[in-house]
C-alpha cells in the first residue's frame, strides 16, 4: 500500500488525518484571507509506516492510495460492539481450546486460506507485516517434519540423563528442568508413542502452518504471536482446531538443514508452528484460569 495524495474535491478539511497520522505527514499550510483552505500530504523521506489510519479515519474517502485491495467498509465499523458485544466476545474467546485430537478429514483449501487471511490483518510494529508462511498439507512432508522434531527429543533425553554431570554449566531454568523427574517421563512417553506409530507431535493434524520472520527486529516475535493468535481465533470461528507446537518451533530453529529444505532463509527465525484441522473431541465448558497478578499504581 502507498499513500499518494489527498483528493481536494472530496476533502472537507476536518483535519482528522492531521491529528491521527503517527508519522505527522499530513498538515494544513497557512492561508491568507480569501485563500482556499487545504490539507496536504508529504512524505519525501518515506517515513509513512502504511498503517492506514488516514484511510480509516477520513469521513469522505478522500485519501488516494495504491494497494492490492480496497479499504474494507461497512456500516457497523464505527460501533464494533453493535455486532459483537463484550459478553459474546468473552464467550467466543474462552471456548477456544488447544486441540490435540484431530479427525482425518482434510481441511478444504478455502478454509486454510480464510485462516491465513485473518493472520494478514494482525497488527505489527510499524505495520511491517514481515511474516512469511509455509503451509504443509502433504502427509509425507508433515511426517518428515515430525521425525525432525523427534530427533530433538532423543537428543534431550541424552542430555537429561547426562545432566547430573554438567549441571554447573546450565542456566537455573534448564537445571530445574533436568532435575525434574517429570521431564524424562514426559519425553519417554512421547518417544514411546512415536515408536508405536502414533503422532505425539502434531496429533494427526492434516495441516501444519509455519510462520517465520526476520531474525533482526525487536518486535518480530511479538508480531508473529499476534498473527498466529488471529489465525487461531479465525479457525475457531470456522469450527477448526489449532495448537501452537513449541517443540516443532524449537526443532526448526535448531535444524538448519531442514529449514533449508523448507526454503526458510538463514536471516529468518521460525516464530511459530501451528496445527490445523477438524477437532475429533467436543468440549462442554470453559475451565477457570488463575487470577491476574496486577499492580495498580
Protein backbone atom coordinates (compact mmCIF):
# COMPACT_ATOMS: atom_id res chain seq x y z
CA UNK A 1 0.00 0.00 0.00
CA UNK A 2 1.22 3.51 -0.81
CA UNK A 3 -0.43 6.79 0.15
CA UNK A 4 -0.41 9.09 -2.88
CA UNK A 5 -2.27 12.31 -2.05
CA UNK A 6 -5.47 13.88 -0.77
CA UNK A 7 -8.36 14.33 -3.17
CA UNK A 8 -9.02 18.03 -2.65
CA UNK A 9 -12.53 17.79 -4.10
CA UNK A 10 -13.59 15.14 -1.58
CA UNK A 11 -11.64 16.59 1.35
CA UNK A 12 -13.79 18.57 3.81
CA UNK A 13 -10.75 19.84 5.80
CA UNK A 14 -11.83 18.14 9.02
CA UNK A 15 -8.12 17.62 9.91
CA UNK A 16 -8.72 14.10 11.24
CA UNK A 17 -5.77 12.81 9.18
CA UNK A 18 -3.54 15.58 10.57
CA UNK A 19 -4.46 14.61 14.12
CA UNK A 20 -4.23 10.85 13.71
CA UNK A 21 -1.19 10.25 11.48
CA UNK A 22 1.53 8.67 13.72
CA UNK A 23 4.27 9.98 11.40
CA UNK A 24 2.84 13.54 11.15
CA UNK A 25 2.81 13.51 7.35
CA UNK A 26 -0.43 15.47 6.91
CA UNK A 27 -0.54 19.20 7.54
CA UNK A 28 -2.60 22.32 6.91
CA UNK A 29 -0.43 25.06 5.41
CA UNK A 30 -1.10 28.64 6.49
CA UNK A 31 -3.57 30.50 4.30
CA UNK A 32 -4.18 34.19 3.74
CA UNK A 33 -7.61 35.81 3.77
CA UNK A 34 -9.66 34.63 0.82
CA UNK A 35 -7.39 31.71 0.01
CA UNK A 36 -8.94 28.26 -0.03
CA UNK A 37 -8.04 26.13 2.97
CA UNK A 38 -6.04 22.97 2.13
CA UNK A 39 -4.74 19.81 3.75
CA UNK A 40 -1.61 18.30 2.23
CA UNK A 41 0.30 15.02 2.44
CA UNK A 42 4.09 15.00 2.05
CA UNK A 43 6.50 12.11 2.57
CA UNK A 44 9.77 12.93 0.85
CA UNK A 45 11.77 10.77 3.27
CA UNK A 46 9.46 7.73 3.07
CA UNK A 47 8.50 7.89 6.75
CA UNK A 48 4.99 6.55 6.17
CA UNK A 49 4.51 3.25 8.03
CA UNK A 50 1.48 2.37 5.89
CA UNK A 51 -0.72 1.89 8.93
CA UNK A 52 -3.78 3.08 7.01
CA UNK A 53 -5.07 5.29 9.84
CA UNK A 54 -5.62 8.13 7.36
CA UNK A 55 -7.69 5.92 5.08
CA UNK A 56 -9.71 4.64 8.00
CA UNK A 57 -10.41 7.96 9.68
CA UNK A 58 -11.29 10.06 6.62
CA UNK A 59 -15.10 10.53 6.60
CA UNK A 60 -15.25 11.26 2.84
CA UNK A 61 -12.76 8.69 1.50
CA UNK A 62 -10.50 11.48 0.26
CA UNK A 63 -7.18 9.67 0.71
CA UNK A 64 -5.83 8.44 -2.61
CA UNK A 65 -3.72 5.29 -2.31
CA UNK A 66 -2.31 2.42 -4.32
CA UNK A 67 -2.94 -1.05 -2.88
CA UNK A 68 -3.75 -4.60 -3.89
CA UNK A 69 -7.20 -4.26 -2.33
CA UNK A 70 -9.60 -1.51 -1.41
CA UNK A 71 -10.41 -0.46 2.13
CA UNK A 72 -12.99 -2.57 3.95
CA UNK A 73 -16.08 -0.53 4.78
CA UNK A 74 -19.35 -1.49 6.41
CA UNK A 75 -21.99 0.27 8.46
CA UNK A 76 -21.05 -1.12 11.87
CA UNK A 77 -17.38 -0.18 11.58
CA UNK A 78 -17.99 2.92 13.71
CA UNK A 79 -19.51 0.85 16.51
CA UNK A 80 -17.91 -2.64 16.55
CA UNK A 81 -19.77 -3.52 19.77
CA UNK A 82 -23.02 -3.45 17.76
CA UNK A 83 -22.16 -6.77 16.07
CA UNK A 84 -20.15 -8.41 18.86
CA UNK A 85 -20.51 -7.20 22.41
CA UNK A 86 -18.04 -7.89 25.20
CA UNK A 87 -20.06 -10.74 26.70
CA UNK A 88 -20.26 -12.66 23.41
CA UNK A 89 -16.61 -11.93 22.65
CA UNK A 90 -15.58 -13.41 26.00
CA UNK A 91 -17.72 -16.49 25.36
CA UNK A 92 -16.11 -17.00 21.98
CA UNK A 93 -12.59 -16.39 23.27
CA UNK A 94 -12.93 -18.66 26.31
CA UNK A 95 -14.30 -21.57 24.31
CA UNK A 96 -11.19 -21.80 22.10
CA UNK A 97 -9.07 -24.77 23.18
CA UNK A 98 -5.67 -26.07 22.06
CA UNK A 99 -6.69 -29.15 20.09
CA UNK A 100 -4.65 -32.35 20.38
CA UNK A 101 -7.12 -34.74 18.77
CA UNK A 102 -7.96 -34.33 15.09
CA UNK A 103 -10.17 -36.07 12.57
CA UNK A 104 -8.55 -37.50 9.46
CA UNK A 105 -10.75 -35.26 7.29
CA UNK A 106 -8.75 -32.87 5.08
CA UNK A 107 -9.29 -29.15 5.56
CA UNK A 108 -10.69 -27.51 2.38
CA UNK A 109 -8.31 -25.08 0.70
CA UNK A 110 -10.75 -22.22 1.25
CA UNK A 111 -10.73 -22.94 4.99
CA UNK A 112 -6.94 -22.72 5.17
CA UNK A 113 -6.95 -19.54 3.11
CA UNK A 114 -9.57 -17.99 5.39
CA UNK A 115 -7.33 -18.61 8.42
CA UNK A 116 -4.34 -17.11 6.61
CA UNK A 117 -6.46 -14.12 5.57
CA UNK A 118 -7.20 -13.42 9.23
CA UNK A 119 -3.48 -13.60 10.02
CA UNK A 120 -2.83 -10.96 7.36
CA UNK A 121 -4.85 -8.40 9.32
CA UNK A 122 -2.98 -8.83 12.61
CA UNK A 123 -1.27 -5.68 13.89
CA UNK A 124 2.52 -5.44 13.57
CA UNK A 125 5.14 -2.94 14.70
CA UNK A 126 5.24 -0.03 12.22
CA UNK A 127 2.91 -2.18 10.12
CA UNK A 128 5.93 -4.14 8.80
CA UNK A 129 3.91 -7.34 8.22
CA UNK A 130 7.27 -9.06 7.91
CA UNK A 131 5.96 -12.57 8.49
CA UNK A 132 6.00 -15.31 5.86
CA UNK A 133 4.25 -18.68 5.89
CA UNK A 134 4.70 -22.27 4.82
CA UNK A 135 1.59 -24.47 4.69
CA UNK A 136 2.19 -28.22 4.81
CA UNK A 137 -0.65 -30.46 3.66
CA UNK A 138 1.42 -33.25 2.10
CA UNK A 139 1.39 -36.20 4.50
CA UNK A 140 4.98 -37.19 3.76
CA UNK A 141 6.30 -33.66 4.36
CA UNK A 142 4.44 -33.49 7.67
CA UNK A 143 5.93 -36.87 8.61
CA UNK A 144 9.43 -35.63 7.73
CA UNK A 145 8.96 -32.61 9.98
CA UNK A 146 7.61 -34.84 12.76
CA UNK A 147 10.74 -37.01 12.54
CA UNK A 148 12.91 -33.89 12.75
CA UNK A 149 11.11 -32.84 15.93
CA UNK A 150 11.52 -36.31 17.40
CA UNK A 151 15.28 -36.08 16.85
CA UNK A 152 15.18 -33.21 19.33
CA UNK A 153 13.50 -35.46 21.90
CA UNK A 154 16.12 -38.18 21.51
CA UNK A 155 18.84 -35.56 21.99
CA UNK A 156 17.09 -34.05 25.00
CA UNK A 157 16.74 -37.48 26.57
CA UNK A 158 20.51 -37.97 26.40
CA UNK A 159 21.11 -34.52 27.86
CA UNK A 160 18.71 -35.17 30.74
CA UNK A 161 20.50 -38.42 31.57
CA UNK A 162 23.86 -36.67 31.44
CA UNK A 163 22.60 -33.56 33.21
CA UNK A 164 23.94 -34.51 36.60
CA UNK A 165 27.48 -34.34 35.22
CA UNK A 166 27.29 -30.77 33.92
CA UNK A 167 24.54 -29.07 35.91
CA UNK A 168 27.04 -26.43 36.97
CA UNK A 169 27.13 -25.13 33.39
CA UNK A 170 23.34 -24.93 32.94
CA UNK A 171 21.06 -21.95 33.48
CA UNK A 172 18.83 -22.12 36.55
CA UNK A 173 15.81 -22.82 34.33
CA UNK A 174 17.46 -25.71 32.47
CA UNK A 175 18.94 -27.03 35.69
CA UNK A 176 15.43 -27.19 37.16
CA UNK A 177 14.10 -28.98 34.07
CA UNK A 178 16.93 -31.53 34.10
CA UNK A 179 16.39 -32.21 37.79
CA UNK A 180 12.64 -32.66 37.44
CA UNK A 181 11.76 -36.40 37.10
CA UNK A 182 8.64 -35.44 35.14
CA UNK A 183 10.83 -34.15 32.28
CA UNK A 184 12.26 -37.56 31.50
CA UNK A 185 8.87 -39.24 31.96
CA UNK A 186 7.26 -36.83 29.52
CA UNK A 187 9.99 -37.35 26.92
CA UNK A 188 9.89 -41.12 27.28
CA UNK A 189 6.12 -41.03 26.82
CA UNK A 190 6.39 -39.10 23.54
CA UNK A 191 9.20 -41.32 22.27
CA UNK A 192 7.25 -44.48 23.18
CA UNK A 193 4.11 -43.24 21.41
CA UNK A 194 6.12 -42.23 18.34
CA UNK A 195 7.80 -45.64 18.15
CA UNK A 196 4.35 -47.27 18.32
CA UNK A 197 3.33 -45.37 15.19
CA UNK A 198 1.32 -42.66 16.96
CA UNK A 199 1.74 -38.92 16.46
CA UNK A 200 2.65 -37.23 19.76
CA UNK A 201 3.82 -34.07 17.96
CA UNK A 202 1.10 -32.95 15.54
CA UNK A 203 -1.70 -35.26 16.75
CA UNK A 204 -2.54 -36.36 13.18
CA UNK A 205 -3.47 -32.82 12.13
CA UNK A 206 -3.84 -32.65 8.33
CA UNK A 207 -2.38 -29.13 8.07
CA UNK A 208 0.73 -27.53 9.56
CA UNK A 209 1.29 -23.76 9.29
CA UNK A 210 4.83 -22.48 9.85
CA UNK A 211 5.39 -18.76 10.43
CA UNK A 212 8.86 -17.26 10.02
CA UNK A 213 10.11 -13.68 10.10
CA UNK A 214 13.39 -11.75 10.10
CA UNK A 215 15.79 -12.52 12.95
CA UNK A 216 16.51 -8.86 13.48
CA UNK A 217 13.85 -6.51 14.77
CA UNK A 218 12.80 -6.13 18.38
CA UNK A 219 9.11 -6.81 17.71
CA UNK A 220 9.15 -9.64 15.14
CA UNK A 221 8.39 -12.30 17.76
CA UNK A 222 5.54 -10.22 19.19
CA UNK A 223 4.17 -9.61 15.69
CA UNK A 224 4.29 -13.34 14.97
CA UNK A 225 2.36 -14.12 18.14
CA UNK A 226 -0.36 -11.63 17.21
CA UNK A 227 -0.64 -13.06 13.70
CA UNK A 228 -0.90 -16.65 14.92
CA UNK A 229 -3.43 -15.60 17.54
CA UNK A 230 -5.60 -14.06 14.81
CA UNK A 231 -5.35 -17.33 12.91
CA UNK A 232 -6.31 -19.42 15.93
CA UNK A 233 -9.46 -17.39 16.56
CA UNK A 234 -10.36 -17.43 12.85
CA UNK A 235 -10.02 -21.21 12.85
CA UNK A 236 -12.26 -21.38 15.93
CA UNK A 237 -14.91 -19.36 14.07
CA UNK A 238 -14.69 -21.90 11.21
CA UNK A 239 -15.14 -24.89 13.58
CA UNK A 240 -11.47 -25.78 13.08
CA UNK A 241 -8.98 -26.54 15.81
CA UNK A 242 -5.42 -25.35 16.32
CA UNK A 243 -2.48 -25.91 18.65
CA UNK A 244 0.79 -23.99 18.81
CA UNK A 245 3.57 -26.63 18.82
CA UNK A 246 6.54 -25.20 20.73
CA UNK A 247 8.76 -28.28 20.29
CA UNK A 248 8.39 -28.04 16.49
CA UNK A 249 9.25 -24.37 16.61
CA UNK A 250 12.40 -25.11 18.63
CA UNK A 251 13.40 -28.01 16.39
CA UNK A 252 13.16 -25.85 13.27
CA UNK A 253 15.18 -23.10 14.91
CA UNK A 254 17.98 -25.58 15.63
CA UNK A 255 17.89 -27.65 12.44
CA UNK A 256 19.41 -25.51 9.66
CA UNK A 257 19.35 -28.40 7.19
CA UNK A 258 15.59 -28.89 7.46
CA UNK A 259 14.95 -25.14 7.38
CA UNK A 260 16.87 -25.02 4.11
CA UNK A 261 14.81 -27.94 2.81
CA UNK A 262 11.65 -25.94 3.53
CA UNK A 263 13.12 -22.86 1.87
CA UNK A 264 13.43 -20.74 5.03
CA UNK A 265 16.30 -18.23 4.56
CA UNK A 266 19.13 -18.04 7.11
CA UNK A 267 18.18 -14.50 8.09
CA UNK A 268 14.74 -15.70 9.21
CA UNK A 269 13.61 -17.23 12.51
CA UNK A 270 10.75 -19.67 12.91
CA UNK A 271 8.38 -17.96 15.35
CA UNK A 272 5.51 -20.43 15.36
CA UNK A 273 4.26 -23.81 14.17
CA UNK A 274 0.51 -24.32 14.21
CA UNK A 275 -1.56 -27.45 13.70
CA UNK A 276 -4.90 -27.04 11.92
CA UNK A 277 -7.74 -29.49 11.45
CA UNK A 278 -11.22 -30.59 12.48
CA UNK A 279 -11.35 -31.49 16.19
CA UNK A 280 -12.35 -35.05 16.98
CA UNK A 281 -13.39 -34.04 20.51
CA UNK A 282 -16.13 -31.81 21.89
CA UNK A 283 -15.83 -29.59 24.95
CA UNK A 284 -18.74 -28.76 27.24
CA UNK A 285 -17.46 -25.91 29.40
CA UNK A 286 -14.70 -23.32 29.65
CA UNK A 287 -12.39 -24.05 32.60
CA UNK A 288 -11.28 -21.31 35.03
CA UNK A 289 -7.96 -19.50 34.99
CA UNK A 290 -5.82 -18.15 37.80
CA UNK A 291 -6.43 -14.53 38.82
CA UNK A 292 -4.20 -11.98 37.13
CA UNK A 293 -1.25 -10.62 39.06
CA UNK A 294 -1.83 -6.89 38.86
CA UNK A 295 -0.18 -3.91 40.50
CA UNK A 296 -2.24 -0.74 40.34
CA UNK A 297 -0.26 2.48 40.61
